[in-house]
N, C-alpha and C. Protein backbone atom coordinates (compact mmCIF):
# COMPACT_ATOMS: atom_id res chain seq x y z
N ARG A 1 186.03 196.23 13.40
CA ARG A 1 185.95 195.76 12.03
C ARG A 1 184.99 196.64 11.25
N ALA A 2 185.15 196.58 9.96
CA ALA A 2 184.24 197.34 9.10
C ALA A 2 182.83 196.77 9.22
N GLN A 3 181.85 197.61 9.01
CA GLN A 3 180.46 197.22 9.20
C GLN A 3 180.06 196.02 8.33
N ALA A 4 180.63 195.89 7.16
CA ALA A 4 180.25 194.82 6.25
C ALA A 4 180.88 193.48 6.61
N GLU A 5 181.86 193.46 7.50
CA GLU A 5 182.55 192.23 7.84
C GLU A 5 181.76 191.41 8.85
N THR A 6 182.03 190.12 8.86
CA THR A 6 181.42 189.22 9.82
C THR A 6 182.12 189.35 11.17
N TRP A 7 181.32 189.41 12.23
CA TRP A 7 181.87 189.42 13.59
C TRP A 7 181.77 188.02 14.15
N VAL A 8 182.84 187.58 14.80
CA VAL A 8 182.86 186.25 15.42
C VAL A 8 182.58 186.43 16.91
N VAL A 9 181.52 185.76 17.37
CA VAL A 9 181.08 185.84 18.76
C VAL A 9 181.27 184.48 19.41
N ALA A 10 181.99 184.43 20.53
CA ALA A 10 182.13 183.19 21.29
C ALA A 10 181.09 183.22 22.41
N ASP A 11 180.29 182.17 22.50
CA ASP A 11 179.29 182.02 23.56
C ASP A 11 179.81 180.96 24.52
N LEU A 12 180.35 181.42 25.66
CA LEU A 12 180.96 180.51 26.64
C LEU A 12 179.88 179.88 27.51
N GLY A 13 179.84 178.55 27.52
CA GLY A 13 178.79 177.85 28.26
C GLY A 13 177.46 177.98 27.55
N CYS A 14 177.45 177.69 26.26
CA CYS A 14 176.27 177.95 25.42
C CYS A 14 175.07 177.08 25.76
N GLY A 15 175.29 175.95 26.45
CA GLY A 15 174.17 175.10 26.83
C GLY A 15 173.32 174.69 25.65
N SER A 16 172.03 174.91 25.74
CA SER A 16 171.09 174.50 24.68
C SER A 16 171.16 175.38 23.45
N GLY A 17 171.98 176.41 23.47
CA GLY A 17 172.15 177.27 22.30
C GLY A 17 171.19 178.44 22.23
N LEU A 18 170.41 178.66 23.28
CA LEU A 18 169.44 179.75 23.25
C LEU A 18 170.11 181.11 23.03
N SER A 19 171.17 181.39 23.78
CA SER A 19 171.85 182.68 23.62
C SER A 19 172.61 182.75 22.29
N THR A 20 173.15 181.63 21.86
CA THR A 20 173.85 181.59 20.58
C THR A 20 172.87 181.94 19.45
N THR A 21 171.70 181.32 19.49
CA THR A 21 170.66 181.58 18.49
C THR A 21 170.21 183.03 18.53
N GLN A 22 170.07 183.59 19.74
CA GLN A 22 169.63 184.97 19.86
C GLN A 22 170.65 185.93 19.25
N VAL A 23 171.93 185.66 19.48
CA VAL A 23 172.99 186.50 18.88
C VAL A 23 172.87 186.46 17.37
N LEU A 24 172.69 185.27 16.80
CA LEU A 24 172.60 185.14 15.35
C LEU A 24 171.33 185.79 14.80
N LYS A 25 170.26 185.73 15.56
CA LYS A 25 169.01 186.37 15.14
C LYS A 25 169.14 187.90 15.16
N ASP A 26 169.77 188.43 16.22
CA ASP A 26 169.89 189.88 16.38
C ASP A 26 170.98 190.50 15.51
N PHE A 27 171.99 189.71 15.16
CA PHE A 27 173.13 190.23 14.41
C PHE A 27 173.36 189.36 13.16
N PRO A 28 172.70 189.71 12.06
CA PRO A 28 172.75 188.88 10.86
C PRO A 28 174.14 188.67 10.27
N ARG A 29 175.08 189.53 10.63
CA ARG A 29 176.45 189.36 10.10
C ARG A 29 177.36 188.62 11.07
N ALA A 30 176.80 188.11 12.15
CA ALA A 30 177.61 187.41 13.16
C ALA A 30 177.81 185.95 12.78
N PHE A 31 178.94 185.43 13.21
CA PHE A 31 179.21 183.99 13.18
C PHE A 31 179.48 183.62 14.63
N ALA A 32 178.81 182.59 15.14
CA ALA A 32 178.92 182.25 16.56
C ALA A 32 179.66 180.94 16.77
N LEU A 33 180.46 180.94 17.83
CA LEU A 33 181.11 179.73 18.32
C LEU A 33 180.49 179.42 19.67
N GLY A 34 179.71 178.36 19.74
CA GLY A 34 179.10 177.96 21.01
C GLY A 34 179.97 176.93 21.68
N LEU A 35 180.44 177.24 22.89
CA LEU A 35 181.31 176.33 23.63
C LEU A 35 180.61 175.84 24.89
N ASP A 36 180.64 174.53 25.11
CA ASP A 36 180.04 173.95 26.31
C ASP A 36 180.74 172.63 26.60
N ILE A 37 180.75 172.25 27.87
CA ILE A 37 181.39 170.99 28.27
C ILE A 37 180.47 169.78 28.03
N SER A 38 179.17 170.02 27.93
CA SER A 38 178.20 168.94 27.85
C SER A 38 177.86 168.57 26.41
N GLU A 39 178.18 167.33 26.05
CA GLU A 39 177.80 166.82 24.72
C GLU A 39 176.28 166.82 24.57
N ASP A 40 175.56 166.51 25.65
CA ASP A 40 174.09 166.49 25.59
C ASP A 40 173.55 167.88 25.26
N MET A 41 174.07 168.91 25.93
CA MET A 41 173.59 170.27 25.66
C MET A 41 173.96 170.71 24.24
N LEU A 42 175.15 170.35 23.79
CA LEU A 42 175.54 170.69 22.42
C LEU A 42 174.64 169.98 21.41
N GLY A 43 174.21 168.77 21.74
CA GLY A 43 173.27 168.05 20.88
C GLY A 43 171.93 168.78 20.78
N ILE A 44 171.46 169.29 21.92
CA ILE A 44 170.22 170.07 21.91
C ILE A 44 170.42 171.33 21.07
N ALA A 45 171.55 172.00 21.27
CA ALA A 45 171.83 173.23 20.51
C ALA A 45 171.85 172.94 19.01
N ALA A 46 172.40 171.80 18.63
CA ALA A 46 172.46 171.44 17.21
C ALA A 46 171.06 171.21 16.64
N ARG A 47 170.20 170.57 17.43
CA ARG A 47 168.83 170.26 16.95
C ARG A 47 167.91 171.48 16.97
N GLU A 48 168.12 172.37 17.92
CA GLU A 48 167.17 173.46 18.14
C GLU A 48 167.51 174.76 17.38
N ALA A 49 168.53 174.75 16.56
CA ALA A 49 168.93 175.97 15.85
C ALA A 49 167.82 176.45 14.93
N LEU A 50 167.66 177.76 14.86
CA LEU A 50 166.68 178.34 13.94
C LEU A 50 167.10 178.11 12.50
N PRO A 51 166.12 177.97 11.60
CA PRO A 51 166.47 177.85 10.18
C PRO A 51 167.35 179.02 9.75
N GLY A 52 168.35 178.72 8.98
CA GLY A 52 169.23 179.77 8.47
C GLY A 52 170.39 180.12 9.38
N THR A 53 170.44 179.52 10.58
CA THR A 53 171.54 179.86 11.48
C THR A 53 172.61 178.77 11.58
N LYS A 54 172.29 177.55 11.16
CA LYS A 54 173.26 176.45 11.32
C LYS A 54 174.57 176.71 10.59
N ALA A 55 174.51 177.33 9.43
CA ALA A 55 175.73 177.62 8.66
C ALA A 55 176.52 178.78 9.26
N ARG A 56 175.93 179.47 10.22
CA ARG A 56 176.58 180.64 10.81
C ARG A 56 177.08 180.37 12.22
N ARG A 57 177.25 179.09 12.56
CA ARG A 57 177.75 178.79 13.89
C ARG A 57 178.43 177.43 13.93
N ASP A 58 179.36 177.30 14.85
CA ASP A 58 179.99 176.02 15.16
C ASP A 58 179.78 175.76 16.64
N LEU A 59 179.60 174.50 16.98
CA LEU A 59 179.47 174.10 18.38
C LEU A 59 180.70 173.30 18.75
N ILE A 60 181.31 173.67 19.86
CA ILE A 60 182.59 173.10 20.26
C ILE A 60 182.51 172.59 21.69
N ARG A 61 182.89 171.35 21.91
CA ARG A 61 182.95 170.83 23.28
C ARG A 61 184.23 171.37 23.92
N ALA A 62 184.07 172.06 25.02
CA ALA A 62 185.22 172.67 25.70
C ALA A 62 184.94 172.81 27.18
N ASP A 63 185.96 172.54 27.98
CA ASP A 63 185.92 172.75 29.43
C ASP A 63 186.45 174.16 29.68
N LEU A 64 185.58 175.05 30.14
CA LEU A 64 185.97 176.45 30.31
C LEU A 64 186.97 176.66 31.44
N LYS A 65 187.23 175.62 32.25
CA LYS A 65 188.26 175.72 33.27
C LYS A 65 189.65 175.50 32.69
N GLN A 66 189.69 175.07 31.44
CA GLN A 66 190.95 174.84 30.73
C GLN A 66 191.15 175.96 29.72
N PRO A 67 192.37 176.10 29.20
CA PRO A 67 192.57 177.11 28.15
C PRO A 67 191.58 176.89 27.00
N LEU A 68 191.02 177.98 26.53
CA LEU A 68 190.01 177.89 25.47
C LEU A 68 190.64 177.42 24.16
N PRO A 69 189.91 176.60 23.40
CA PRO A 69 190.43 176.12 22.12
C PRO A 69 190.20 177.16 21.01
N LEU A 70 190.54 178.40 21.31
CA LEU A 70 190.37 179.49 20.36
C LEU A 70 191.68 180.24 20.24
N ARG A 71 191.96 180.69 19.06
CA ARG A 71 193.14 181.51 18.85
C ARG A 71 192.70 182.96 18.84
N LEU A 72 193.07 183.67 19.88
CA LEU A 72 192.71 185.09 19.95
C LEU A 72 193.75 185.88 19.17
N PRO A 73 193.39 186.92 18.51
CA PRO A 73 192.12 187.64 18.52
C PRO A 73 191.15 187.23 17.42
N ALA A 74 191.02 185.95 17.15
CA ALA A 74 190.07 185.49 16.13
C ALA A 74 188.63 185.73 16.55
N VAL A 75 188.41 185.99 17.83
CA VAL A 75 187.07 186.25 18.35
C VAL A 75 186.91 187.75 18.54
N ASP A 76 185.80 188.29 18.08
CA ASP A 76 185.56 189.73 18.19
C ASP A 76 184.86 190.12 19.48
N THR A 77 184.00 189.26 19.98
CA THR A 77 183.29 189.56 21.22
C THR A 77 182.92 188.25 21.90
N VAL A 78 182.66 188.33 23.19
CA VAL A 78 182.36 187.14 23.99
C VAL A 78 181.08 187.39 24.78
N VAL A 79 180.21 186.39 24.81
CA VAL A 79 179.03 186.43 25.68
C VAL A 79 179.02 185.16 26.52
N SER A 80 178.45 185.28 27.70
CA SER A 80 178.27 184.12 28.56
C SER A 80 177.06 184.39 29.45
N ILE A 81 176.06 183.57 29.32
CA ILE A 81 174.82 183.75 30.08
C ILE A 81 174.68 182.59 31.07
N SER A 82 174.71 182.93 32.34
CA SER A 82 174.45 181.96 33.42
C SER A 82 175.39 180.76 33.39
N ALA A 83 176.66 180.98 33.07
CA ALA A 83 177.60 179.86 33.04
C ALA A 83 178.82 180.09 33.94
N LEU A 84 179.36 181.28 33.92
CA LEU A 84 180.64 181.50 34.60
C LEU A 84 180.59 181.30 36.10
N GLN A 85 179.43 181.55 36.73
CA GLN A 85 179.38 181.40 38.18
C GLN A 85 179.58 179.95 38.62
N TRP A 86 179.39 179.00 37.73
CA TRP A 86 179.57 177.59 38.07
C TRP A 86 181.02 177.13 37.94
N LEU A 87 181.86 177.98 37.39
CA LEU A 87 183.22 177.55 37.08
C LEU A 87 184.21 177.67 38.23
N PHE A 88 184.08 178.71 38.99
CA PHE A 88 185.14 179.02 39.95
C PHE A 88 184.55 179.40 41.30
N GLU A 89 185.21 178.96 42.34
CA GLU A 89 184.75 179.30 43.67
C GLU A 89 185.27 180.64 44.15
N ASP A 90 186.25 181.17 43.49
CA ASP A 90 186.75 182.51 43.84
C ASP A 90 187.03 183.28 42.55
N VAL A 91 187.24 184.56 42.68
CA VAL A 91 187.41 185.40 41.50
C VAL A 91 188.71 185.16 40.75
N SER A 92 189.68 184.49 41.35
CA SER A 92 190.96 184.29 40.65
C SER A 92 190.76 183.47 39.37
N GLY A 93 189.87 182.49 39.39
CA GLY A 93 189.59 181.71 38.19
C GLY A 93 188.95 182.55 37.10
N TRP A 94 188.04 183.43 37.50
CA TRP A 94 187.42 184.33 36.53
C TRP A 94 188.46 185.25 35.93
N LYS A 95 189.33 185.78 36.78
CA LYS A 95 190.37 186.69 36.29
C LYS A 95 191.26 185.98 35.29
N ARG A 96 191.59 184.71 35.56
CA ARG A 96 192.43 183.95 34.64
C ARG A 96 191.72 183.75 33.31
N LEU A 97 190.44 183.36 33.36
CA LEU A 97 189.68 183.13 32.12
C LEU A 97 189.51 184.42 31.34
N LEU A 98 189.00 185.45 32.00
CA LEU A 98 188.74 186.71 31.30
C LEU A 98 190.02 187.46 30.98
N GLY A 99 191.06 187.28 31.78
CA GLY A 99 192.35 187.91 31.49
C GLY A 99 192.94 187.41 30.19
N GLY A 100 192.62 186.18 29.83
CA GLY A 100 193.08 185.63 28.56
C GLY A 100 192.38 186.23 27.37
N MET A 101 191.39 187.07 27.62
CA MET A 101 190.62 187.67 26.54
C MET A 101 190.98 189.13 26.33
N LYS A 102 192.12 189.55 26.81
CA LYS A 102 192.52 190.95 26.66
C LYS A 102 192.60 191.37 25.20
N GLU A 103 192.86 190.40 24.33
CA GLU A 103 193.01 190.72 22.91
C GLU A 103 191.68 190.80 22.17
N VAL A 104 190.58 190.47 22.84
CA VAL A 104 189.27 190.54 22.20
C VAL A 104 188.93 192.01 21.96
N PRO A 105 188.74 192.41 20.70
CA PRO A 105 188.53 193.83 20.42
C PRO A 105 187.16 194.36 20.82
N GLY A 106 186.17 193.50 20.89
CA GLY A 106 184.82 193.93 21.25
C GLY A 106 184.53 193.66 22.71
N PRO A 107 183.28 193.80 23.09
CA PRO A 107 182.93 193.62 24.50
C PRO A 107 182.94 192.16 24.93
N VAL A 108 183.16 191.97 26.21
CA VAL A 108 182.99 190.68 26.88
C VAL A 108 181.80 190.89 27.80
N VAL A 109 180.69 190.21 27.51
CA VAL A 109 179.45 190.41 28.25
C VAL A 109 179.09 189.11 28.95
N ALA A 110 178.95 189.17 30.28
CA ALA A 110 178.62 187.97 31.05
C ALA A 110 177.53 188.28 32.06
N GLN A 111 176.56 187.38 32.13
CA GLN A 111 175.55 187.44 33.18
C GLN A 111 175.90 186.36 34.17
N VAL A 112 176.05 186.73 35.44
CA VAL A 112 176.37 185.76 36.48
C VAL A 112 175.46 186.00 37.67
N TYR A 113 175.34 185.00 38.50
CA TYR A 113 174.57 185.10 39.73
C TYR A 113 175.54 185.02 40.90
N PRO A 114 175.30 185.77 41.97
CA PRO A 114 176.19 185.69 43.13
C PRO A 114 176.03 184.35 43.83
N PRO A 115 177.06 183.94 44.58
CA PRO A 115 176.94 182.69 45.34
C PRO A 115 175.76 182.74 46.31
N ALA A 116 175.18 181.59 46.57
CA ALA A 116 174.06 181.53 47.51
C ALA A 116 174.48 182.07 48.86
N GLY A 117 173.63 182.83 49.48
CA GLY A 117 173.91 183.38 50.80
C GLY A 117 174.74 184.63 50.82
N SER A 118 175.06 185.17 49.64
CA SER A 118 175.88 186.40 49.64
C SER A 118 175.05 187.62 49.37
């Protein structure tokens, strides 16, 4: 997209909104979609948002094991911090989730931890 346009960032497993807030702080032209299965965590994310960022994000309750409630390529980039490793016991689930993001024009960035004992 052109530099002046807004980039839409999906934060998968946004939890308390810490990473969502950081994206909005670091990228003033970003609009963030925070997705999480927990209503409690989304409530924390709603309360803890930095001033000036609430209008630049939506919080969506979503089970990441199900098809995402997003119409691609409406999302420009995807981030996920410490969430994806809890979703699937083998890589086939990850491939299914991330394979559905082939149309995302920007990067898909995920931080994951290996299974215990590996």
